[in-house]
Amino acid sequence: RDPEAEIIVSFAVSQDGYTQSGLYYKDLIAAAAGVPGITACGLNCICG
């Protein structure tokens, strides 16, 4: 709909780097960084 749209995708992980679905943050960041259309990716919540 909007090729210029900015999209950030952010995952919530515990202190050991795993999400509630049991996925590891390094794998998720690598996967998200390779998706066309995702402008930025990162982490939020759970951890201080």
All heavy atoms as atom14 arrays in JSON, in Angstrom:
{
  "sequence": "RDPEAEIIVSFAVSQDGYTQSGLYYKDLIAAAAGVPGITACGLNCICG",
  "atom14_mask": [
    [1, 1, 1, 1, 1, 1, 1, 1, 1, 1, 1, 0, 0, 0],
    [1, 1, 1, 1, 1, 1, 1, 1, 0, 0, 0, 0, 0, 0],
    [1, 1, 1, 1, 1, 1, 1, 0, 0, 0, 0, 0, 0, 0],
    [1, 1, 1, 1, 1, 1, 1, 1, 1, 0, 0, 0, 0, 0],
    [1, 1, 1, 1, 1, 0, 0, 0, 0, 0, 0, 0, 0, 0],
    [1, 1, 1, 1, 1, 1, 1, 1, 1, 0, 0, 0, 0, 0],
    [1, 1, 1, 1, 1, 1, 1, 1, 0, 0, 0, 0, 0, 0],
    [1, 1, 1, 1, 1, 1, 1, 1, 0, 0, 0, 0, 0, 0],
    [1, 1, 1, 1, 1, 1, 1, 0, 0, 0, 0, 0, 0, 0],
    [1, 1, 1, 1, 1, 1, 0, 0, 0, 0, 0, 0, 0, 0],
    [1, 1, 1, 1, 1, 1, 1, 1, 1, 1, 1, 0, 0, 0],
    [1, 1, 1, 1, 1, 0, 0, 0, 0, 0, 0, 0, 0, 0],
    [1, 1, 1, 1, 1, 1, 1, 0, 0, 0, 0, 0, 0, 0],
    [1, 1, 1, 1, 1, 1, 0, 0, 0, 0, 0, 0, 0, 0],
    [1, 1, 1, 1, 1, 1, 1, 1, 1, 0, 0, 0, 0, 0],
    [1, 1, 1, 1, 1, 1, 1, 1, 0, 0, 0, 0, 0, 0],
    [1, 1, 1, 1, 0, 0, 0, 0, 0, 0, 0, 0, 0, 0],
    [1, 1, 1, 1, 1, 1, 1, 1, 1, 1, 1, 1, 0, 0],
    [1, 1, 1, 1, 1, 1, 1, 0, 0, 0, 0, 0, 0, 0],
    [1, 1, 1, 1, 1, 1, 1, 1, 1, 0, 0, 0, 0, 0],
    [1, 1, 1, 1, 1, 1, 0, 0, 0, 0, 0, 0, 0, 0],
    [1, 1, 1, 1, 0, 0, 0, 0, 0, 0, 0, 0, 0, 0],
    [1, 1, 1, 1, 1, 1, 1, 1, 0, 0, 0, 0, 0, 0],
    [1, 1, 1, 1, 1, 1, 1, 1, 1, 1, 1, 1, 0, 0],
    [1, 1, 1, 1, 1, 1, 1, 1, 1, 1, 1, 1, 0, 0],
    [1, 1, 1, 1, 1, 1, 1, 1, 1, 0, 0, 0, 0, 0],
    [1, 1, 1, 1, 1, 1, 1, 1, 0, 0, 0, 0, 0, 0],
    [1, 1, 1, 1, 1, 1, 1, 1, 0, 0, 0, 0, 0, 0],
    [1, 1, 1, 1, 1, 1, 1, 1, 0, 0, 0, 0, 0, 0],
    [1, 1, 1, 1, 1, 0, 0, 0, 0, 0, 0, 0, 0, 0],
    [1, 1, 1, 1, 1, 0, 0, 0, 0, 0, 0, 0, 0, 0],
    [1, 1, 1, 1, 1, 0, 0, 0, 0, 0, 0, 0, 0, 0],
    [1, 1, 1, 1, 1, 0, 0, 0, 0, 0, 0, 0, 0, 0],
    [1, 1, 1, 1, 0, 0, 0, 0, 0, 0, 0, 0, 0, 0],
    [1, 1, 1, 1, 1, 1, 1, 0, 0, 0, 0, 0, 0, 0],
    [1, 1, 1, 1, 1, 1, 1, 0, 0, 0, 0, 0, 0, 0],
    [1, 1, 1, 1, 0, 0, 0, 0, 0, 0, 0, 0, 0, 0],
    [1, 1, 1, 1, 1, 1, 1, 1, 0, 0, 0, 0, 0, 0],
    [1, 1, 1, 1, 1, 1, 1, 0, 0, 0, 0, 0, 0, 0],
    [1, 1, 1, 1, 1, 0, 0, 0, 0, 0, 0, 0, 0, 0],
    [1, 1, 1, 1, 1, 1, 0, 0, 0, 0, 0, 0, 0, 0],
    [1, 1, 1, 1, 0, 0, 0, 0, 0, 0, 0, 0, 0, 0],
    [1, 1, 1, 1, 1, 1, 1, 1, 0, 0, 0, 0, 0, 0],
    [1, 1, 1, 1, 1, 1, 1, 1, 0, 0, 0, 0, 0, 0],
    [1, 1, 1, 1, 1, 1, 0, 0, 0, 0, 0, 0, 0, 0],
    [1, 1, 1, 1, 1, 1, 1, 1, 0, 0, 0, 0, 0, 0],
    [1, 1, 1, 1, 1, 1, 0, 0, 0, 0, 0, 0, 0, 0],
    [1, 1, 1, 1, 0, 0, 0, 0, 0, 0, 0, 0, 0, 0]
  ],
  "atom14_positions": [
    [[0.82, -1.21, 0.0], [0.0, 0.0, 0.0], [0.86, 1.26, 0.0], [0.5, 2.27, -0.6], [-0.91, 0.0, 1.23], [-2.02, -1.03, 1.2], [-3.3, -0.52, 0.58], [-3.94, 0.49, 1.43], [-4.79, 0.21, 2.41], [-5.09, -1.06, 2.7], [-5.35, 1.17, 3.09], [0.0, 0.0, 0.0], [0.0, 0.0, 0.0], [0.0, 0.0, 0.0]],
    [[1.98, 1.21, 0.72], [2.84, 2.38, 0.85], [4.3, 1.93, 0.87], [4.84, 1.62, 1.93], [2.51, 3.16, 2.12], [3.34, 4.42, 2.27], [4.15, 4.73, 1.37], [3.18, 5.12, 3.29], [0.0, 0.0, 0.0], [0.0, 0.0, 0.0], [0.0, 0.0, 0.0], [0.0, 0.0, 0.0], [0.0, 0.0, 0.0], [0.0, 0.0, 0.0]],
    [[4.95, 1.92, -0.29], [6.34, 1.45, -0.36], [7.3, 2.26, 0.51], [8.38, 1.77, 0.86], [6.69, 1.61, -1.85], [5.36, 1.55, -2.55], [4.39, 2.22, -1.62], [0.0, 0.0, 0.0], [0.0, 0.0, 0.0], [0.0, 0.0, 0.0], [0.0, 0.0, 0.0], [0.0, 0.0, 0.0], [0.0, 0.0, 0.0], [0.0, 0.0, 0.0]],
    [[6.92, 3.48, 0.89], [7.79, 4.32, 1.71], [7.54, 4.16, 3.2], [8.2, 4.82, 4.02], [7.59, 5.8, 1.31], [7.87, 6.1, -0.15], [9.29, 5.72, -0.54], [10.23, 6.05, 0.24], [9.47, 5.1, -1.6], [0.0, 0.0, 0.0], [0.0, 0.0, 0.0], [0.0, 0.0, 0.0], [0.0, 0.0, 0.0], [0.0, 0.0, 0.0]],
    [[6.62, 3.3, 3.59], [6.28, 3.14, 5.0], [7.49, 2.65, 5.81], [8.32, 1.88, 5.32], [5.13, 2.15, 5.16], [0.0, 0.0, 0.0], [0.0, 0.0, 0.0], [0.0, 0.0, 0.0], [0.0, 0.0, 0.0], [0.0, 0.0, 0.0], [0.0, 0.0, 0.0], [0.0, 0.0, 0.0], [0.0, 0.0, 0.0], [0.0, 0.0, 0.0]],
    [[7.57, 3.12, 7.05], [8.63, 2.71, 7.96], [8.06, 1.66, 8.92], [7.02, 1.89, 9.55], [9.15, 3.9, 8.75], [10.29, 3.56, 9.7], [10.84, 4.79, 10.41], [10.3, 5.9, 10.2], [11.81, 4.62, 11.18], [0.0, 0.0, 0.0], [0.0, 0.0, 0.0], [0.0, 0.0, 0.0], [0.0, 0.0, 0.0], [0.0, 0.0, 0.0]],
    [[8.74, 0.53, 9.04], [8.24, -0.57, 9.87], [9.35, -1.05, 10.8], [10.43, -1.46, 10.36], [7.76, -1.75, 8.99], [6.66, -1.29, 8.02], [7.26, -2.89, 9.87], [6.26, -2.35, 7.01], [0.0, 0.0, 0.0], [0.0, 0.0, 0.0], [0.0, 0.0, 0.0], [0.0, 0.0, 0.0], [0.0, 0.0, 0.0], [0.0, 0.0, 0.0]],
    [[9.05, -1.02, 12.1], [9.97, -1.54, 13.12], [9.34, -2.8, 13.71], [8.16, -2.8, 14.05], [10.21, -0.52, 14.24], [10.78, 0.79, 13.68], [11.16, -1.1, 15.3], [10.87, 1.89, 14.7], [0.0, 0.0, 0.0], [0.0, 0.0, 0.0], [0.0, 0.0, 0.0], [0.0, 0.0, 0.0], [0.0, 0.0, 0.0], [0.0, 0.0, 0.0]],
    [[10.13, -3.84, 13.84], [9.69, -5.1, 14.44], [10.55, -5.36, 15.66], [11.79, -5.37, 15.57], [9.8, -6.25, 13.43], [9.56, -7.58, 14.12], [8.83, -6.06, 12.28], [0.0, 0.0, 0.0], [0.0, 0.0, 0.0], [0.0, 0.0, 0.0], [0.0, 0.0, 0.0], [0.0, 0.0, 0.0], [0.0, 0.0, 0.0], [0.0, 0.0, 0.0]],
    [[9.92, -5.55, 16.82], [10.66, -5.67, 18.07], [10.2, -6.89, 18.88], [9.0, -7.11, 19.05], [10.48, -4.4, 18.91], [11.23, -4.44, 20.09], [0.0, 0.0, 0.0], [0.0, 0.0, 0.0], [0.0, 0.0, 0.0], [0.0, 0.0, 0.0], [0.0, 0.0, 0.0], [0.0, 0.0, 0.0], [0.0, 0.0, 0.0], [0.0, 0.0, 0.0]],
    [[11.15, -7.65, 19.39], [10.86, -8.89, 20.09], [11.07, -8.74, 21.6], [11.94, -7.98, 22.04], [11.76, -10.01, 19.56], [11.64, -10.22, 18.08], [12.57, -9.65, 17.22], [10.59, -10.95, 17.55], [12.46, -9.82, 15.84], [10.47, -11.12, 16.17], [11.4, -10.55, 15.32], [0.0, 0.0, 0.0], [0.0, 0.0, 0.0], [0.0, 0.0, 0.0]],
    [[10.28, -9.46, 22.37], [10.41, -9.48, 23.82], [11.11, -10.77, 24.24], [10.6, -11.86, 23.97], [9.04, -9.38, 24.48], [0.0, 0.0, 0.0], [0.0, 0.0, 0.0], [0.0, 0.0, 0.0], [0.0, 0.0, 0.0], [0.0, 0.0, 0.0], [0.0, 0.0, 0.0], [0.0, 0.0, 0.0], [0.0, 0.0, 0.0], [0.0, 0.0, 0.0]],
    [[12.26, -10.63, 24.89], [13.02, -11.8, 25.28], [13.42, -11.7, 26.75], [13.56, -10.62, 27.32], [14.3, -11.99, 24.42], [13.93, -12.12, 22.95], [15.27, -10.83, 24.62], [0.0, 0.0, 0.0], [0.0, 0.0, 0.0], [0.0, 0.0, 0.0], [0.0, 0.0, 0.0], [0.0, 0.0, 0.0], [0.0, 0.0, 0.0], [0.0, 0.0, 0.0]],
    [[13.61, -12.85, 27.36], [14.05, -12.91, 28.75], [15.56, -12.67, 28.82], [16.23, -12.5, 27.8], [13.69, -14.26, 29.35], [14.26, -15.3, 28.58], [0.0, 0.0, 0.0], [0.0, 0.0, 0.0], [0.0, 0.0, 0.0], [0.0, 0.0, 0.0], [0.0, 0.0, 0.0], [0.0, 0.0, 0.0], [0.0, 0.0, 0.0], [0.0, 0.0, 0.0]],
    [[16.1, -12.72, 30.02], [17.52, -12.45, 30.21], [18.42, -13.43, 29.47], [19.56, -13.1, 29.14], [17.85, -12.46, 31.7], [17.12, -11.39, 32.49], [17.31, -11.54, 33.99], [18.25, -12.21, 34.44], [16.44, -10.95, 34.78], [0.0, 0.0, 0.0], [0.0, 0.0, 0.0], [0.0, 0.0, 0.0], [0.0, 0.0, 0.0], [0.0, 0.0, 0.0]],
    [[17.9, -14.64, 29.19], [18.7, -15.63, 28.46], [18.53, -15.5, 26.95], [19.1, -16.29, 26.2], [18.37, -17.05, 28.92], [16.92, -17.43, 28.68], [16.16, -16.62, 28.11], [16.52, -18.54, 29.07], [0.0, 0.0, 0.0], [0.0, 0.0, 0.0], [0.0, 0.0, 0.0], [0.0, 0.0, 0.0], [0.0, 0.0, 0.0], [0.0, 0.0, 0.0]],
    [[17.72, -14.53, 26.51], [17.6, -14.27, 25.08], [16.5, -15.02, 24.37], [16.43, -14.97, 23.14], [0.0, 0.0, 0.0], [0.0, 0.0, 0.0], [0.0, 0.0, 0.0], [0.0, 0.0, 0.0], [0.0, 0.0, 0.0], [0.0, 0.0, 0.0], [0.0, 0.0, 0.0], [0.0, 0.0, 0.0], [0.0, 0.0, 0.0], [0.0, 0.0, 0.0]],
    [[15.63, -15.69, 25.1], [14.56, -16.47, 24.48], [13.2, -15.8, 24.66], [12.91, -15.23, 25.72], [14.51, -17.88, 25.05], [15.65, -18.76, 24.55], [16.86, -18.8, 25.24], [15.51, -19.52, 23.4], [17.91, -19.59, 24.79], [16.56, -20.31, 22.94], [17.75, -20.34, 23.63], [18.79, -21.12, 23.17], [0.0, 0.0, 0.0], [0.0, 0.0, 0.0]],
    [[12.35, -15.91, 23.63], [10.99, -15.4, 23.73], [10.1, -16.43, 24.4], [10.5, -17.57, 24.65], [10.4, -15.1, 22.33], [10.16, -16.36, 21.65], [11.34, -14.25, 21.5], [0.0, 0.0, 0.0], [0.0, 0.0, 0.0], [0.0, 0.0, 0.0], [0.0, 0.0, 0.0], [0.0, 0.0, 0.0], [0.0, 0.0, 0.0], [0.0, 0.0, 0.0]],
    [[8.86, -16.05, 24.67], [7.9, -16.98, 25.27], [7.59, -18.14, 24.34], [7.1, -19.18, 24.78], [6.62, -16.23, 25.65], [6.81, -15.27, 26.8], [5.52, -14.58, 27.2], [4.5, -14.71, 26.53], [5.56, -13.83, 28.29], [0.0, 0.0, 0.0], [0.0, 0.0, 0.0], [0.0, 0.0, 0.0], [0.0, 0.0, 0.0], [0.0, 0.0, 0.0]],
    [[7.88, -17.99, 23.06], [7.69, -19.08, 22.11], [8.92, -19.97, 22.01], [8.95, -20.91, 21.2], [7.35, -18.52, 20.72], [6.12, -17.83, 20.74], [0.0, 0.0, 0.0], [0.0, 0.0, 0.0], [0.0, 0.0, 0.0], [0.0, 0.0, 0.0], [0.0, 0.0, 0.0], [0.0, 0.0, 0.0], [0.0, 0.0, 0.0], [0.0, 0.0, 0.0]],
    [[9.95, -19.67, 22.79], [11.15, -20.49, 22.8], [12.12, -20.2, 21.68], [13.01, -21.01, 21.39], [0.0, 0.0, 0.0], [0.0, 0.0, 0.0], [0.0, 0.0, 0.0], [0.0, 0.0, 0.0], [0.0, 0.0, 0.0], [0.0, 0.0, 0.0], [0.0, 0.0, 0.0], [0.0, 0.0, 0.0], [0.0, 0.0, 0.0], [0.0, 0.0, 0.0]],
    [[11.99, -19.03, 21.04], [12.87, -18.67, 19.93], [14.0, -17.78, 20.43], [13.8, -16.93, 21.3], [12.07, -17.96, 18.84], [10.9, -18.78, 18.26], [10.12, -17.96, 17.25], [11.41, -20.06, 17.62], [0.0, 0.0, 0.0], [0.0, 0.0, 0.0], [0.0, 0.0, 0.0], [0.0, 0.0, 0.0], [0.0, 0.0, 0.0], [0.0, 0.0, 0.0]],
    [[15.19, -17.96, 19.86], [16.38, -17.25, 20.31], [16.51, -15.91, 19.61], [16.3, -15.79, 18.4], [17.61, -18.11, 20.05], [18.86, -17.64, 20.76], [18.84, -17.31, 22.11], [20.08, -17.56, 20.08], [19.98, -16.89, 22.77], [21.23, -17.16, 20.73], [21.17, -16.82, 22.07], [22.31, -16.4, 22.73], [0.0, 0.0, 0.0], [0.0, 0.0, 0.0]],
    [[16.9, -14.89, 20.37], [16.87, -13.53, 19.84], [17.83, -13.3, 18.68], [17.52, -12.55, 17.75], [17.14, -12.53, 20.97], [18.59, -12.33, 21.36], [19.24, -11.12, 21.12], [19.32, -13.32, 22.02], [20.55, -10.91, 21.5], [20.61, -13.12, 22.41], [21.25, -11.91, 22.15], [22.55, -11.71, 22.53], [0.0, 0.0, 0.0], [0.0, 0.0, 0.0]],
    [[18.97, -13.96, 18.69], [19.91, -13.77, 17.58], [19.31, -14.28, 16.27], [19.48, -13.65, 15.21], [21.23, -14.49, 17.87], [22.07, -13.83, 18.94], [23.42, -14.53, 19.09], [24.28, -13.85, 20.14], [25.61, -14.5, 20.28], [0.0, 0.0, 0.0], [0.0, 0.0, 0.0], [0.0, 0.0, 0.0], [0.0, 0.0, 0.0], [0.0, 0.0, 0.0]],
    [[18.6, -15.39, 16.34], [17.96, -15.94, 15.14], [16.84, -15.03, 14.65], [16.67, -14.81, 13.44], [17.4, -17.34, 15.43], [18.48, -18.33, 15.82], [19.62, -18.19, 15.33], [18.19, -19.25, 16.61], [0.0, 0.0, 0.0], [0.0, 0.0, 0.0], [0.0, 0.0, 0.0], [0.0, 0.0, 0.0], [0.0, 0.0, 0.0], [0.0, 0.0, 0.0]],
    [[16.07, -14.48, 15.59], [14.96, -13.6, 15.23], [15.47, -12.3, 14.6], [14.91, -11.82, 13.6], [14.11, -13.29, 16.46], [13.25, -14.45, 16.97], [12.7, -14.13, 18.35], [12.11, -14.74, 15.99], [0.0, 0.0, 0.0], [0.0, 0.0, 0.0], [0.0, 0.0, 0.0], [0.0, 0.0, 0.0], [0.0, 0.0, 0.0], [0.0, 0.0, 0.0]],
    [[16.49, -11.71, 15.19], [17.04, -10.46, 14.65], [17.61, -10.7, 13.25], [17.39, -9.91, 12.33], [18.13, -9.89, 15.58], [17.52, -9.49, 16.93], [18.82, -8.7, 14.92], [16.45, -8.43, 16.84], [0.0, 0.0, 0.0], [0.0, 0.0, 0.0], [0.0, 0.0, 0.0], [0.0, 0.0, 0.0], [0.0, 0.0, 0.0], [0.0, 0.0, 0.0]],
    [[18.32, -11.81, 13.06], [18.88, -12.12, 11.75], [17.77, -12.32, 10.72], [17.88, -11.84, 9.59], [19.75, -13.38, 11.84], [0.0, 0.0, 0.0], [0.0, 0.0, 0.0], [0.0, 0.0, 0.0], [0.0, 0.0, 0.0], [0.0, 0.0, 0.0], [0.0, 0.0, 0.0], [0.0, 0.0, 0.0], [0.0, 0.0, 0.0], [0.0, 0.0, 0.0]],
    [[16.71, -13.02, 11.13], [15.6, -13.25, 10.2], [14.88, -11.95, 9.85], [14.59, -11.69, 8.67], [14.61, -14.24, 10.82], [0.0, 0.0, 0.0], [0.0, 0.0, 0.0], [0.0, 0.0, 0.0], [0.0, 0.0, 0.0], [0.0, 0.0, 0.0], [0.0, 0.0, 0.0], [0.0, 0.0, 0.0], [0.0, 0.0, 0.0], [0.0, 0.0, 0.0]],
    [[14.6, -11.12, 10.85], [13.89, -9.87, 10.61], [14.71, -8.92, 9.75], [14.19, -8.23, 8.87], [13.52, -9.2, 11.93], [0.0, 0.0, 0.0], [0.0, 0.0, 0.0], [0.0, 0.0, 0.0], [0.0, 0.0, 0.0], [0.0, 0.0, 0.0], [0.0, 0.0, 0.0], [0.0, 0.0, 0.0], [0.0, 0.0, 0.0], [0.0, 0.0, 0.0]],
    [[16.03, -8.89, 9.99], [16.9, -8.0, 9.23], [16.94, -8.37, 7.75], [17.26, -7.53, 6.9], [18.31, -8.02, 9.82], [0.0, 0.0, 0.0], [0.0, 0.0, 0.0], [0.0, 0.0, 0.0], [0.0, 0.0, 0.0], [0.0, 0.0, 0.0], [0.0, 0.0, 0.0], [0.0, 0.0, 0.0], [0.0, 0.0, 0.0], [0.0, 0.0, 0.0]],
    [[16.59, -9.61, 7.44], [16.61, -10.06, 6.05], [15.28, -9.95, 5.33], [15.18, -10.33, 4.16], [0.0, 0.0, 0.0], [0.0, 0.0, 0.0], [0.0, 0.0, 0.0], [0.0, 0.0, 0.0], [0.0, 0.0, 0.0], [0.0, 0.0, 0.0], [0.0, 0.0, 0.0], [0.0, 0.0, 0.0], [0.0, 0.0, 0.0], [0.0, 0.0, 0.0]],
    [[14.26, -9.42, 6.01], [12.93, -9.32, 5.39], [12.79, -7.99, 4.65], [12.91, -6.93, 5.27], [11.82, -9.43, 6.46], [10.45, -9.18, 5.83], [11.85, -10.8, 7.13], [0.0, 0.0, 0.0], [0.0, 0.0, 0.0], [0.0, 0.0, 0.0], [0.0, 0.0, 0.0], [0.0, 0.0, 0.0], [0.0, 0.0, 0.0], [0.0, 0.0, 0.0]],
    [[12.52, -8.03, 3.35], [12.28, -6.78, 2.63], [11.08, -6.05, 3.23], [10.05, -6.65, 3.49], [11.99, -7.26, 1.2], [12.6, -8.61, 1.11], [12.46, -9.21, 2.47], [0.0, 0.0, 0.0], [0.0, 0.0, 0.0], [0.0, 0.0, 0.0], [0.0, 0.0, 0.0], [0.0, 0.0, 0.0], [0.0, 0.0, 0.0], [0.0, 0.0, 0.0]],
    [[11.24, -4.79, 3.44], [10.13, -4.01, 3.99], [10.29, -3.68, 5.46], [9.69, -2.72, 5.95], [0.0, 0.0, 0.0], [0.0, 0.0, 0.0], [0.0, 0.0, 0.0], [0.0, 0.0, 0.0], [0.0, 0.0, 0.0], [0.0, 0.0, 0.0], [0.0, 0.0, 0.0], [0.0, 0.0, 0.0], [0.0, 0.0, 0.0], [0.0, 0.0, 0.0]],
    [[11.07, -4.46, 6.21], [11.31, -4.15, 7.61], [12.47, -3.15, 7.69], [13.58, -3.44, 7.25], [11.62, -5.41, 8.43], [10.37, -6.29, 8.52], [12.1, -5.04, 9.83], [10.55, -7.57, 9.32], [0.0, 0.0, 0.0], [0.0, 0.0, 0.0], [0.0, 0.0, 0.0], [0.0, 0.0, 0.0], [0.0, 0.0, 0.0], [0.0, 0.0, 0.0]],
    [[12.18, -1.98, 8.23], [13.17, -0.9, 8.29], [14.16, -1.11, 9.41], [15.36, -0.83, 9.27], [12.46, 0.45, 8.51], [11.37, 0.57, 7.59], [13.42, 1.6, 8.32], [0.0, 0.0, 0.0], [0.0, 0.0, 0.0], [0.0, 0.0, 0.0], [0.0, 0.0, 0.0], [0.0, 0.0, 0.0], [0.0, 0.0, 0.0], [0.0, 0.0, 0.0]],
    [[13.66, -1.56, 10.56], [14.5, -1.76, 11.73], [13.93, -2.9, 12.56], [12.74, -3.21, 12.49], [14.57, -0.49, 12.57], [0.0, 0.0, 0.0], [0.0, 0.0, 0.0], [0.0, 0.0, 0.0], [0.0, 0.0, 0.0], [0.0, 0.0, 0.0], [0.0, 0.0, 0.0], [0.0, 0.0, 0.0], [0.0, 0.0, 0.0], [0.0, 0.0, 0.0]],
    [[14.78, -3.52, 13.37], [14.33, -4.58, 14.25], [15.09, -4.48, 15.56], [16.14, -3.84, 15.63], [14.53, -5.96, 13.61], [16.24, -6.33, 13.14], [0.0, 0.0, 0.0], [0.0, 0.0, 0.0], [0.0, 0.0, 0.0], [0.0, 0.0, 0.0], [0.0, 0.0, 0.0], [0.0, 0.0, 0.0], [0.0, 0.0, 0.0], [0.0, 0.0, 0.0]],
    [[14.52, -5.09, 16.61], [15.19, -4.97, 17.88], [14.49, -5.69, 19.01], [13.77, -6.67, 18.79], [0.0, 0.0, 0.0], [0.0, 0.0, 0.0], [0.0, 0.0, 0.0], [0.0, 0.0, 0.0], [0.0, 0.0, 0.0], [0.0, 0.0, 0.0], [0.0, 0.0, 0.0], [0.0, 0.0, 0.0], [0.0, 0.0, 0.0], [0.0, 0.0, 0.0]],
    [[14.7, -5.17, 20.24], [14.21, -5.81, 21.45], [13.5, -4.79, 22.33], [13.9, -3.63, 22.38], [15.36, -6.43, 22.24], [16.24, -7.46, 21.51], [17.43, -7.84, 22.39], [15.43, -8.71, 21.16], [0.0, 0.0, 0.0], [0.0, 0.0, 0.0], [0.0, 0.0, 0.0], [0.0, 0.0, 0.0], [0.0, 0.0, 0.0], [0.0, 0.0, 0.0]],
    [[12.47, -5.24, 23.02], [11.79, -4.39, 24.01], [11.15, -5.29, 25.07], [10.95, -6.47, 24.85], [10.73, -3.5, 23.36], [9.46, -4.27, 23.02], [9.44, -5.08, 22.09], [8.4, -4.02, 23.77], [0.0, 0.0, 0.0], [0.0, 0.0, 0.0], [0.0, 0.0, 0.0], [0.0, 0.0, 0.0], [0.0, 0.0, 0.0], [0.0, 0.0, 0.0]],
    [[10.85, -4.69, 26.21], [10.09, -5.34, 27.27], [10.86, -6.49, 27.95], [11.95, -6.86, 27.53], [8.73, -5.82, 26.77], [7.47, -5.94, 28.07], [0.0, 0.0, 0.0], [0.0, 0.0, 0.0], [0.0, 0.0, 0.0], [0.0, 0.0, 0.0], [0.0, 0.0, 0.0], [0.0, 0.0, 0.0], [0.0, 0.0, 0.0], [0.0, 0.0, 0.0]],
    [[10.25, -7.03, 28.99], [10.75, -8.11, 29.84], [12.07, -7.74, 30.53], [12.16, -7.69, 31.75], [10.89, -9.45, 29.09], [9.55, -9.88, 28.48], [11.41, -10.53, 30.03], [9.6, -11.21, 27.74], [0.0, 0.0, 0.0], [0.0, 0.0, 0.0], [0.0, 0.0, 0.0], [0.0, 0.0, 0.0], [0.0, 0.0, 0.0], [0.0, 0.0, 0.0]],
    [[13.11, -7.46, 29.75], [14.42, -7.14, 30.31], [14.51, -5.68, 30.76], [13.99, -4.78, 30.1], [15.52, -7.39, 29.3], [15.97, -9.12, 29.1], [0.0, 0.0, 0.0], [0.0, 0.0, 0.0], [0.0, 0.0, 0.0], [0.0, 0.0, 0.0], [0.0, 0.0, 0.0], [0.0, 0.0, 0.0], [0.0, 0.0, 0.0], [0.0, 0.0, 0.0]],
    [[15.24, -5.48, 31.87], [15.63, -4.14, 32.26], [16.8, -3.69, 31.39], [17.34, -4.46, 30.59], [0.0, 0.0, 0.0], [0.0, 0.0, 0.0], [0.0, 0.0, 0.0], [0.0, 0.0, 0.0], [0.0, 0.0, 0.0], [0.0, 0.0, 0.0], [0.0, 0.0, 0.0], [0.0, 0.0, 0.0], [0.0, 0.0, 0.0], [0.0, 0.0, 0.0]]
  ]
}
